[in-house]
Amino acid sequence: MHAPRLQKSESYHLFLSHVWGTGQDQMRIVKQRLLEMVTNLAVFLDVDDLEEIGDLGCDIDASQVVAIFCSDGYAQSKNCMIELRAAVAKSKPLIALLETETKHGGVTQAQMCEQLTEAESRFEGWGFESEPGSAELIEQLFAKEPIEWNRLGPMQDVTLRLIAERMMVEEIHGTTYVQGELVQTRSVLRVPSAGHTFHLYCSRHNAGAEALAVELAAARKLTALKHSADRDELPRCEVMLVYLTGKTWASAAFADEVEAAMRSGKRLLLAHEMPGLGQEARHAVEFGFFFADGQTPRTLQKAGIYSSIAVPLKGGPWREASMALLAKAVGLQDRAQVSLPFEWVCSFCLGGRARVNEAEGGVDILHSRSGLAIVRSARPRDSSAEQRNSRRAEGEGVRINKASRSDRGAALEYDAHEQL
């Protein structure tokens, strides 16, 4: 994927605005990953590119898009306010990137708005003009939905993809995928192992557990996923789901069931609803909450209930990655989702030479040298002989006929026709 062309007055595609105390290390990651994903991208990061502190306004002016890393302390920083105010005054497109983890200086959108409102009382002392004021800063910063920052690999892939899409919205004419992104796999359901009838046990005393199993089946298209909420069926279930929210340990009956399952050697699958965007209705809490008084019973803690890592569950655009992780934890197999028969390929809409994998009669369209491929999404294809011999690959509203490989152009040549 290639970065859009810069205007004569521009030096950077993206300016990363952050407060050092809670954002510097993460903005280094953002810059590095974006540079790996997008060819010829220019990203401003102060530790790399700032020559004089008084040049901040000019550097904002020389940037196409400004990303604001919203974390604790941002609104208390004079330099950060110079950057945000300059971006708003110059009508620069803004990306609000929210830090959500409290231990790393996380803030909610509401908290960020409060801090910006409070910061206005310091504007005069900092020598700022009265405009733009906090109301305008808030309006422009959150004119579009904020993007949640994530440290977990599969979730971070989603975050970086969303940032790239915001930066290049005018350039994108297809669907974006980060190379190796977990959401582009599909889970393959196997029958329960010998002696078992169900994949999952979801206790009726674990609020939301059964609904999560239903969500998993729908999200990963696992219509044959079997679960039971009947305690008598627990021995015939491969795994017991422990759905961790703010309501999990309100039931003593559930704690008893978990203890009995652990004594019998039943494998526990922990799934944790983490705070973040789109998580308000799911009673999401920080993991430390489960060690507070009145939460996880001491007997279960001593027995090692948290000895295995819980599957992280997020909301919004990150929910799909959460379901893919949960499917892997259940023990389901993953296969590449978007692949086409030999000599057939979807289009790379923005160019960038494609690295084509022709092993086993398949062409993997998600591999590109730039790491971020723009493709027309295709439905999962079966690798059977019948499918390999097919002369048509169906996409979402697109029929893609046999393609030729080109060394002359920046992209693979293709012949695509709208489906009748």
Protein backbone atom coordinates (compact mmCIF):
# COMPACT_ATOMS: atom_id res chain seq x y z
CA MET A 1 0.00 0.00 0.00
CA HIS A 2 1.42 3.36 -1.01
CA ALA A 3 1.02 6.59 0.94
CA PRO A 4 -0.90 9.40 -0.79
CA ARG A 5 1.09 12.12 -2.51
CA LEU A 6 2.14 15.06 -0.35
CA GLN A 7 1.44 18.61 -1.43
CA LYS A 8 4.35 21.02 -1.91
CA SER A 9 3.67 22.61 1.48
CA GLU A 10 3.53 19.25 3.27
CA SER A 11 6.36 17.17 4.72
CA TYR A 12 4.43 14.53 6.69
CA HIS A 13 1.39 12.35 6.17
CA LEU A 14 0.80 11.97 9.91
CA PHE A 15 1.76 13.97 13.01
CA LEU A 16 1.75 12.03 16.30
CA SER A 17 0.78 14.34 19.17
CA HIS A 18 1.27 12.89 22.66
CA VAL A 19 2.41 13.64 26.17
CA TRP A 20 5.74 12.01 26.95
CA GLY A 21 4.82 10.56 30.33
CA THR A 22 2.05 8.29 29.07
CA GLY A 23 2.46 8.19 25.31
CA GLN A 24 6.01 8.32 24.03
CA ASP A 25 6.72 4.58 23.98
CA GLN A 26 3.41 3.74 22.32
CA MET A 27 3.77 6.40 19.63
CA ARG A 28 7.13 4.86 18.74
CA ILE A 29 5.26 1.61 18.10
CA VAL A 30 2.59 3.37 16.03
CA LYS A 31 5.20 5.04 13.84
CA GLN A 32 7.29 1.90 13.35
CA ARG A 33 4.34 -0.30 12.44
CA LEU A 34 2.81 2.22 10.05
CA LEU A 35 6.14 2.63 8.27
CA GLU A 36 6.30 -1.14 7.84
CA MET A 37 2.76 -1.25 6.48
CA VAL A 38 2.61 1.72 4.14
CA THR A 39 5.22 2.45 1.48
CA ASN A 40 6.73 5.96 1.40
CA LEU A 41 4.83 7.08 4.50
CA ALA A 42 6.23 10.09 6.39
CA VAL A 43 5.33 10.24 10.10
CA PHE A 44 6.31 13.05 12.47
CA LEU A 45 7.43 11.94 15.93
CA ASP A 46 9.01 14.62 18.09
CA VAL A 47 11.99 12.56 19.29
CA ASP A 48 12.89 11.89 15.65
CA ASP A 49 11.85 15.02 13.82
CA LEU A 50 11.50 18.04 16.12
CA GLU A 51 14.32 20.55 15.63
CA GLU A 52 13.07 23.49 17.69
CA ILE A 53 10.28 23.47 20.27
CA GLY A 54 8.98 26.69 18.75
CA ASP A 55 8.42 24.91 15.42
CA LEU A 56 5.50 22.79 16.64
CA GLY A 57 2.89 24.92 14.89
CA CYS A 58 4.83 24.83 11.63
CA ASP A 59 5.23 21.04 11.84
CA ILE A 60 1.47 20.70 12.32
CA ASP A 61 0.93 22.91 9.27
CA ALA A 62 3.27 20.65 7.26
CA SER A 63 1.27 17.50 8.15
CA GLN A 64 -1.76 16.09 6.32
CA VAL A 65 -3.37 14.41 9.36
CA VAL A 66 -2.83 14.80 13.11
CA ALA A 67 -3.29 11.89 15.55
CA ILE A 68 -3.97 12.89 19.16
CA PHE A 69 -2.99 10.21 21.68
CA CYS A 70 -5.53 10.81 24.44
CA SER A 71 -3.98 9.80 27.74
CA ASP A 72 -3.72 11.17 31.25
CA GLY A 73 -1.74 14.38 31.33
CA TYR A 74 -2.22 15.35 27.69
CA ALA A 75 -4.46 18.34 28.44
CA GLN A 76 -2.09 19.50 31.21
CA SER A 77 0.80 19.82 28.75
CA LYS A 78 1.33 23.26 27.19
CA ASN A 79 3.11 21.78 24.17
CA CYS A 80 0.30 19.27 23.56
CA MET A 81 -2.22 22.10 23.69
CA ILE A 82 -0.14 24.08 21.20
CA GLU A 83 -0.31 21.10 18.83
CA LEU A 84 -4.03 20.44 19.25
CA ARG A 85 -4.98 24.12 18.99
CA ALA A 86 -2.82 24.54 15.88
CA ALA A 87 -4.40 21.48 14.24
CA VAL A 88 -7.91 22.78 14.94
CA ALA A 89 -7.07 26.32 13.83
CA LYS A 90 -5.69 24.98 10.55
CA SER A 91 -8.65 22.56 10.09
CA LYS A 92 -6.41 19.51 9.98
CA PRO A 93 -8.17 16.11 9.99
CA LEU A 94 -7.86 14.67 13.51
CA ILE A 95 -7.64 11.07 14.71
CA ALA A 96 -8.44 10.64 18.41
CA LEU A 97 -6.47 7.62 19.65
CA LEU A 98 -7.67 6.62 23.12
CA GLU A 99 -5.46 4.96 25.74
CA THR A 100 -7.93 2.77 27.66
CA GLU A 101 -5.72 0.96 30.19
CA THR A 102 -5.81 2.74 33.54
CA LYS A 103 -2.33 1.58 34.58
CA HIS A 104 -0.91 3.22 31.46
CA GLY A 105 -2.73 6.53 31.88
CA GLY A 106 -5.97 5.50 30.26
CA VAL A 107 -8.86 7.93 29.90
CA THR A 108 -12.38 7.66 28.58
CA GLN A 109 -13.73 10.05 25.98
CA ALA A 110 -15.75 11.78 28.71
CA GLN A 111 -12.67 12.16 30.91
CA MET A 112 -10.69 13.59 28.02
CA CYS A 113 -13.43 16.15 27.41
CA GLU A 114 -13.38 17.12 31.09
CA GLN A 115 -9.61 17.56 31.07
CA LEU A 116 -9.72 19.72 27.95
CA THR A 117 -12.43 21.89 29.51
CA GLU A 118 -10.32 22.32 32.64
CA ALA A 119 -7.25 23.14 30.53
CA GLU A 120 -8.93 26.25 29.12
CA SER A 121 -8.41 27.98 32.46
CA ARG A 122 -4.64 27.79 31.81
CA PHE A 123 -4.72 29.18 28.28
CA GLU A 124 -4.22 32.82 29.30
CA GLY A 125 -1.31 31.94 31.59
CA TRP A 126 0.29 30.03 28.73
CA GLY A 127 0.01 33.08 26.49
CA PHE A 128 -2.65 31.56 24.23
CA GLU A 129 -5.30 33.53 22.40
CA SER A 130 -8.88 32.88 23.48
CA GLU A 131 -9.74 30.93 20.32
CA PRO A 132 -10.00 28.10 19.62
CA GLY A 133 -11.54 27.32 23.01
CA SER A 134 -12.08 23.97 24.67
CA ALA A 135 -15.56 23.49 23.16
CA GLU A 136 -14.18 23.76 19.63
CA LEU A 137 -11.22 21.52 20.47
CA ILE A 138 -13.56 18.83 21.78
CA GLU A 139 -15.93 19.14 18.83
CA GLN A 140 -13.15 18.73 16.26
CA LEU A 141 -11.23 16.06 18.17
CA PHE A 142 -14.26 13.79 18.47
CA ALA A 143 -15.96 14.71 15.19
CA LYS A 144 -15.32 11.08 14.24
CA GLU A 145 -15.40 8.03 16.48
CA PRO A 146 -12.18 7.68 18.49
CA ILE A 147 -9.90 4.72 17.84
CA GLU A 148 -8.86 2.60 20.80
CA TRP A 149 -5.15 1.93 21.30
CA ASN A 150 -4.28 -1.70 22.03
CA ARG A 151 -1.09 -3.43 23.10
CA LEU A 152 -2.29 -6.97 22.36
CA GLY A 153 -1.10 -8.09 18.93
CA PRO A 154 -4.40 -9.13 17.28
CA MET A 155 -6.18 -6.05 18.65
CA GLN A 156 -3.30 -3.78 17.69
CA ASP A 157 -3.56 -5.00 14.10
CA VAL A 158 -7.14 -3.74 14.04
CA THR A 159 -6.12 -0.39 15.54
CA LEU A 160 -3.34 0.16 13.00
CA ARG A 161 -5.67 -0.79 10.15
CA LEU A 162 -8.24 1.75 11.35
CA ILE A 163 -5.57 4.47 11.56
CA ALA A 164 -4.42 3.70 8.01
CA GLU A 165 -7.99 3.79 6.74
CA ARG A 166 -8.59 7.20 8.36
CA MET A 167 -5.41 8.58 6.83
CA MET A 168 -6.14 7.37 3.32
CA VAL A 169 -9.91 7.32 3.06
CA GLU A 170 -9.85 8.99 -0.37
CA GLU A 171 -7.34 6.45 -1.65
CA ILE A 172 -9.20 3.29 -0.62
CA HIS A 173 -11.55 1.61 -3.05
CA GLY A 174 -11.72 -1.83 -1.51
CA THR A 175 -11.33 -3.57 1.84
CA THR A 176 -8.18 -3.25 3.92
CA TYR A 177 -6.41 -6.14 5.60
CA VAL A 178 -3.23 -6.17 7.64
CA GLN A 179 -0.99 -9.04 6.59
CA GLY A 180 -1.56 -11.96 8.96
CA GLU A 181 -4.54 -10.29 10.66
CA LEU A 182 -6.35 -12.82 12.80
CA VAL A 183 -9.82 -11.81 11.62
CA GLN A 184 -8.89 -13.10 8.16
CA THR A 185 -8.83 -16.68 9.34
CA ARG A 186 -11.83 -18.93 9.62
CA SER A 187 -12.41 -21.44 12.40
CA VAL A 188 -12.99 -25.05 11.42
CA LEU A 189 -15.30 -26.96 13.73
CA ARG A 190 -14.38 -30.47 14.76
CA VAL A 191 -16.62 -32.91 16.57
CA PRO A 192 -16.19 -33.13 20.36
CA SER A 193 -13.48 -35.55 21.44
CA ALA A 194 -14.21 -39.10 22.52
CA GLY A 195 -16.45 -39.29 25.55
CA HIS A 196 -17.81 -35.78 25.04
CA THR A 197 -21.04 -34.56 23.49
CA PHE A 198 -20.54 -30.80 23.79
CA HIS A 199 -17.71 -28.37 23.13
CA LEU A 200 -18.60 -25.93 25.92
CA TYR A 201 -20.33 -25.89 29.27
CA CYS A 202 -21.93 -22.52 30.06
CA SER A 203 -23.29 -22.30 33.58
CA ARG A 204 -26.66 -20.66 34.10
CA HIS A 205 -25.11 -19.01 37.15
CA ASN A 206 -22.42 -17.31 35.04
CA ALA A 207 -24.27 -14.27 33.69
CA GLY A 208 -23.70 -13.86 29.95
CA ALA A 209 -21.75 -17.09 29.40
CA GLU A 210 -24.36 -18.82 27.25
CA ALA A 211 -24.94 -15.64 25.24
CA LEU A 212 -21.19 -15.49 24.58
CA ALA A 213 -21.22 -19.04 23.21
CA VAL A 214 -24.08 -18.10 20.89
CA GLU A 215 -22.19 -14.97 19.80
CA LEU A 216 -19.07 -17.03 19.10
CA ALA A 217 -20.99 -19.48 16.92
CA ALA A 218 -22.57 -16.65 14.92
CA ALA A 219 -19.41 -14.55 14.58
CA ARG A 220 -17.23 -17.44 13.39
CA LYS A 221 -20.03 -19.18 11.45
CA LEU A 222 -19.86 -22.29 13.64
CA THR A 223 -23.44 -23.48 13.35
CA ALA A 224 -22.54 -26.89 14.78
CA LEU A 225 -20.83 -25.55 17.91
CA LYS A 226 -22.44 -27.42 20.79
CA HIS A 227 -22.82 -26.04 24.28
CA SER A 228 -24.87 -26.99 27.31
CA ALA A 229 -26.10 -25.10 30.35
CA ASP A 230 -27.26 -28.27 32.13
CA ARG A 231 -24.96 -29.02 35.06
CA ASP A 232 -25.64 -32.73 34.70
CA GLU A 233 -24.03 -32.52 31.26
CA LEU A 234 -20.78 -30.99 32.58
CA PRO A 235 -18.84 -34.30 32.40
CA ARG A 236 -19.81 -34.58 28.72
CA CYS A 237 -18.50 -31.07 27.91
CA GLU A 238 -14.90 -30.65 26.78
CA VAL A 239 -14.42 -27.22 28.34
CA MET A 240 -16.11 -25.12 31.00
CA LEU A 241 -16.44 -21.47 30.00
CA VAL A 242 -15.70 -18.94 32.75
CA TYR A 243 -17.01 -15.60 31.51
CA LEU A 244 -15.29 -12.87 33.50
CA THR A 245 -17.19 -9.60 33.96
CA GLY A 246 -18.11 -7.36 36.86
CA LYS A 247 -20.99 -9.73 37.61
CA THR A 248 -19.16 -13.08 37.50
CA TRP A 249 -18.59 -13.73 41.18
CA ALA A 250 -21.93 -12.38 42.41
CA SER A 251 -23.19 -15.97 42.41
CA ALA A 252 -21.96 -18.40 45.08
CA ALA A 253 -23.54 -21.22 43.08
CA PHE A 254 -21.25 -20.47 40.15
CA ALA A 255 -18.20 -20.52 42.39
CA ASP A 256 -19.28 -23.96 43.62
CA GLU A 257 -19.59 -25.21 40.04
CA VAL A 258 -16.14 -23.92 39.14
CA GLU A 259 -14.61 -25.54 42.20
CA ALA A 260 -16.25 -28.87 41.36
CA ALA A 261 -15.04 -28.63 37.75
CA MET A 262 -11.48 -27.93 38.88
CA ARG A 263 -11.51 -30.90 41.27
CA SER A 264 -12.63 -33.17 38.44
CA GLY A 265 -9.85 -31.93 36.16
CA LYS A 266 -12.16 -30.17 33.72
CA ARG A 267 -10.37 -27.64 31.55
CA LEU A 268 -11.47 -24.06 32.21
CA LEU A 269 -11.65 -21.49 29.45
CA LEU A 270 -11.42 -17.97 30.86
CA ALA A 271 -12.80 -15.11 28.76
CA HIS A 272 -12.39 -11.58 30.12
CA GLU A 273 -14.44 -8.56 29.02
CA MET A 274 -11.93 -5.70 29.04
CA PRO A 275 -12.83 -2.02 29.35
CA GLY A 276 -12.85 0.02 26.16
CA LEU A 277 -15.00 1.34 23.37
CA GLY A 278 -18.33 -0.45 22.99
CA GLN A 279 -17.96 -2.31 26.30
CA GLU A 280 -20.30 -0.33 28.54
CA ALA A 281 -23.17 -2.85 28.41
CA ARG A 282 -20.94 -5.89 28.97
CA HIS A 283 -19.92 -4.99 32.54
CA ALA A 284 -16.26 -4.88 31.50
CA VAL A 285 -13.68 -4.44 34.27
CA GLU A 286 -9.91 -4.36 34.67
CA PHE A 287 -8.48 -7.79 35.53
CA GLY A 288 -7.32 -6.59 38.94
CA PHE A 289 -10.98 -6.22 39.89
CA PHE A 290 -11.24 -10.00 40.31
CA PHE A 291 -8.73 -9.93 43.20
CA ALA A 292 -10.67 -7.35 45.19
CA ASP A 293 -12.51 -8.29 48.38
CA GLY A 294 -15.82 -9.98 47.66
CA GLN A 295 -14.82 -11.11 44.16
CA THR A 296 -13.00 -14.37 43.30
CA PRO A 297 -13.26 -16.75 46.29
CA ARG A 298 -9.93 -17.36 48.01
CA THR A 299 -10.35 -21.11 47.59
CA LEU A 300 -10.45 -20.70 43.80
CA GLN A 301 -7.49 -18.34 43.80
CA LYS A 302 -5.43 -20.82 45.82
CA ALA A 303 -6.52 -23.62 43.49
CA GLY A 304 -5.04 -21.65 40.56
CA ILE A 305 -8.12 -20.55 38.66
CA TYR A 306 -6.09 -17.77 37.05
CA SER A 307 -3.08 -19.92 36.21
CA SER A 308 -4.13 -19.90 32.54
CA ILE A 309 -4.31 -16.66 30.55
CA ALA A 310 -7.81 -15.35 29.96
CA VAL A 311 -8.94 -14.64 26.40
CA PRO A 312 -9.21 -10.83 26.04
CA LEU A 313 -12.60 -9.64 24.81
CA LYS A 314 -13.00 -6.14 23.39
CA GLY A 315 -15.89 -4.29 21.79
CA GLY A 316 -16.46 -2.28 18.64
CA PRO A 317 -14.26 -3.09 15.63
CA TRP A 318 -12.09 -5.26 17.89
CA ARG A 319 -14.90 -7.69 18.70
CA GLU A 320 -14.25 -9.82 15.63
CA ALA A 321 -10.63 -10.36 16.66
CA SER A 322 -11.85 -11.29 20.15
CA MET A 323 -14.12 -13.97 18.70
CA ALA A 324 -11.24 -15.36 16.63
CA LEU A 325 -9.08 -15.59 19.76
CA LEU A 326 -11.90 -17.27 21.66
CA ALA A 327 -12.36 -19.82 18.89
CA LYS A 328 -8.65 -20.66 19.04
CA ALA A 329 -8.87 -21.08 22.80
CA VAL A 330 -11.81 -23.47 22.49
CA GLY A 331 -9.47 -25.63 20.45
CA LEU A 332 -10.90 -25.03 17.00
CA GLN A 333 -8.54 -24.98 14.04
CA ASP A 334 -7.93 -21.85 11.99
CA ARG A 335 -7.49 -21.69 8.25
CA ALA A 336 -6.72 -18.81 5.93
CA GLN A 337 -10.02 -17.25 5.04
CA VAL A 338 -9.46 -15.35 1.85
CA SER A 339 -7.84 -17.60 -0.73
CA LEU A 340 -8.62 -18.36 -4.33
CA PRO A 341 -7.92 -21.28 -6.69
CA PHE A 342 -4.62 -21.46 -8.59
CA GLU A 343 -4.12 -18.70 -11.17
CA TRP A 344 -7.01 -16.67 -9.78
CA VAL A 345 -6.61 -13.51 -7.75
CA CYS A 346 -8.48 -10.51 -6.39
CA SER A 347 -7.32 -7.02 -7.23
CA PHE A 348 -4.87 -4.98 -5.20
CA CYS A 349 -6.59 -1.65 -5.67
CA LEU A 350 -3.75 0.65 -4.64
CA GLY A 351 -0.85 -1.12 -6.27
CA GLY A 352 2.30 -2.19 -4.53
CA ARG A 353 3.74 -5.35 -6.00
CA ALA A 354 2.05 -8.45 -4.73
CA ARG A 355 4.01 -11.40 -3.43
CA VAL A 356 1.97 -14.37 -4.66
CA ASN A 357 1.98 -17.66 -2.83
CA GLU A 358 1.18 -20.47 -5.28
CA ALA A 359 1.79 -23.40 -2.94
CA GLU A 360 -0.79 -26.18 -2.96
CA GLY A 361 -2.74 -24.69 -5.83
CA GLY A 362 -3.79 -21.59 -3.95
CA VAL A 363 -3.08 -17.91 -4.30
CA ASP A 364 -3.04 -16.06 -0.99
CA ILE A 365 -4.20 -12.54 -1.81
CA LEU A 366 -3.38 -11.13 1.61
CA HIS A 367 0.39 -11.16 1.16
CA SER A 368 1.95 -7.96 -0.08
CA ARG A 369 5.40 -6.54 0.30
CA SER A 370 4.07 -3.45 2.00
CA GLY A 371 2.25 -5.51 4.64
CA LEU A 372 -1.14 -3.83 4.12
CA ALA A 373 -3.13 -5.12 1.19
CA ILE A 374 -6.17 -3.45 -0.30
CA VAL A 375 -8.34 -6.14 -1.80
CA ARG A 376 -11.86 -6.89 -2.89
CA SER A 377 -12.98 -9.26 -0.16
CA ALA A 378 -13.79 -12.81 -1.21
CA ARG A 379 -15.73 -15.49 0.60
CA PRO A 380 -13.82 -18.49 2.02
CA ARG A 381 -13.11 -21.07 -0.63
CA ASP A 382 -12.91 -24.81 -0.15
CA SER A 383 -9.64 -26.35 -1.32
CA SER A 384 -11.28 -29.45 -2.81
CA ALA A 385 -10.56 -30.57 -6.38
CA GLU A 386 -13.98 -29.37 -7.44
CA GLN A 387 -13.24 -25.86 -6.20
CA ARG A 388 -9.71 -25.86 -7.59
CA ASN A 389 -11.08 -26.65 -11.03
CA SER A 390 -13.64 -23.88 -10.81
CA ARG A 391 -13.30 -21.05 -13.31
CA ARG A 392 -14.92 -18.44 -11.12
CA ALA A 393 -14.13 -16.92 -7.72
CA GLU A 394 -17.05 -15.13 -6.16
CA GLY A 395 -16.58 -12.02 -4.07
CA GLU A 396 -19.01 -9.65 -2.43
CA GLY A 397 -20.78 -8.32 -5.52
CA VAL A 398 -17.81 -9.04 -7.77
CA ARG A 399 -16.97 -11.87 -10.16
CA ILE A 400 -13.24 -12.18 -10.66
CA ASN A 401 -12.13 -13.94 -13.80
CA LYS A 402 -8.74 -15.47 -14.58
CA ALA A 403 -5.97 -12.96 -13.85
CA SER A 404 -2.57 -12.48 -15.42
CA ARG A 405 0.60 -11.57 -13.58
CA SER A 406 2.38 -8.41 -14.63
CA ASP A 407 5.95 -7.36 -13.94
CA ARG A 408 5.47 -4.03 -15.70
CA GLY A 409 2.87 -2.41 -13.48
CA ALA A 410 2.60 -1.83 -9.76
CA ALA A 411 -0.25 -4.28 -9.36
CA LEU A 412 -1.53 -7.58 -10.63
CA GLU A 413 -3.69 -7.22 -13.70
CA TYR A 414 -7.21 -8.57 -13.37
CA ASP A 415 -10.51 -8.75 -15.14
CA ALA A 416 -13.43 -8.13 -12.77
CA HIS A 417 -17.09 -7.93 -13.71
CA GLU A 418 -20.09 -7.05 -11.62
CA GLN A 419 -22.26 -10.07 -10.88
CA LEU A 420 -25.61 -10.21 -12.58
